[in-house]
Amino acid sequence: WRICSKMRYKSVSSPGMVVLKQGETVESWYVILSGSVEMFVDGQPPFKLQMGSSFGLGPKLTPLTCSGNMMTGEANCSFGVLPLAQLRSILEENQQKRVTQFEGDKPVSVQELRQGSGGQYGYIILQATPDMLLSQLVETSIDEKYIESFLLTYRVFLPQPTGLTYRIEHWFATPNYAIKAVQVLLVWLRNHYTDFENNHEMQDFLDNFIHMLKMSGGEMAGYADSIRELRAIKSPVRYLSLSALHEPASPIAIGGGAEIGFPILVTKVTKTRLYNITLLQGDELVYINGNSCKNKTSNWARKLLFSGIQLEVGVKYSRETFDKFMSLPREMLVTGTNPGYVTPNAASSPDLCSLTCESDSQANSSYKASPAGLLRRSFRLKVRPNEDKNSKNSLDRQYDSFLKRRGSLPKNFTSKHRTKSQ
């Protein structure tokens, strides 16, 4: 900024005007701010300099002799001009403010003394090794934008973002740096969430870090909520193409559904040579071949996903919803029913709608011997009063059919095996 403040500004309105003559001694440094300049040397084609280029500066800040005529190449050209003596003085003064740090004989950083926005003086890093740049993230500095600048450029010198996640976990384990580590992660999520999209390792890192924050309690638990909110806000709908899937050998599994009051969720992703799946465990299915998945059942989604056709799906990462789904009782995950939830579209839910909630004292004890009776008892359910005396057998067959579809019973299982299998 000191160089800019000392510059004089010169404007030339017409093209073809001479800026420097051949043989003239150049004792100033010129920077082209707009327009262009052409240099004409005898016996050579003209050489053109565009906006942003500079001329007049020798290799050791010494005056030069112009070897040709410098002329404006177009109208309305403007220049910044600074005498070499002033430029040399500014650079020498800055050099005196710089400090080079060494580890042994090897330089690791070059820092310069500057005044911060609050009036205080301190050193900022101009050049450094990757390790030094990383360590500066948790050090006190007058450079208020250092974290943002680092996260904008770290891909140049760090081959993988996991190099930074390892440091964040290490800093969090150090009491003096724990808060600073959380702040770095929050800025990273807010400004560069694309580093976390479609990356299993990065999403696993976030899950583990949230868990560590919750285990720490107090103020740290509040930061866990902030990271969850940021991830929910920043997670966009991703549109993916999937090869034809067939359920027996499918690399993905789904769960949830309107029948238990959840969206359709990807519960498992298996990497295979046949499928290049970019889905994540915890993804919420938003669209399947243009069809909205809102208020749809898991059976509806399975029919589309495993129909053996090319798929275009829209998904959104919803780890928090997935965690809530996985925290449901095991019986509910197996049977796909939620006694406390009323399905918006009862016709599309599994064929267990003849079950209704009731207290333990009112449960029909005559069904305790059958699998469906055990299901009723575990969820405190009974047969509706208007059902006939064959409701028990009818419900048993429905439940057996449902378990066969889920793969929990062999396909050749019949009511004759019931007594032996109980």
Foldseek 3Di string as FASTA:
>chain_A
DVLQVQWDKDKFFFWFAWPDAAFDKQQKKKAWQAAKKWWDAPPDDIDIDGHGDIDQADPVLDIDGHRTTITTHGGTIMIIIGGSVVVVVVVVVQVVQWDWDDDVPHTFWIWGWDAAPVRDIDIDTDDGALVVLLVVLQDDDSPPCSLVVCLVPVVVRDVACVVNLVVLVVLCVPVSRNVSSLVSVLVCLQPPVVSQALDQVSVVSLVVCLVVLVVVDDPSVVSSVVSLVSLQVPWDWDKDKWAAAAPVPGQWDWFDALQAPAAIFTQGGHDDPVTDDSDDHQKGWQDKQRHGRPLGGPVVVCCRRNVRHIIITIITRNNVSNVVVVPPDPLCRLQVHHQVHDRPDVVRHQPPVQKHADDQVPADPVLCLFPVSVVCNVRVIHGDPPDDPCVSVVNSVSSVVSNVVVVNDPPPDDPVCGVVVD
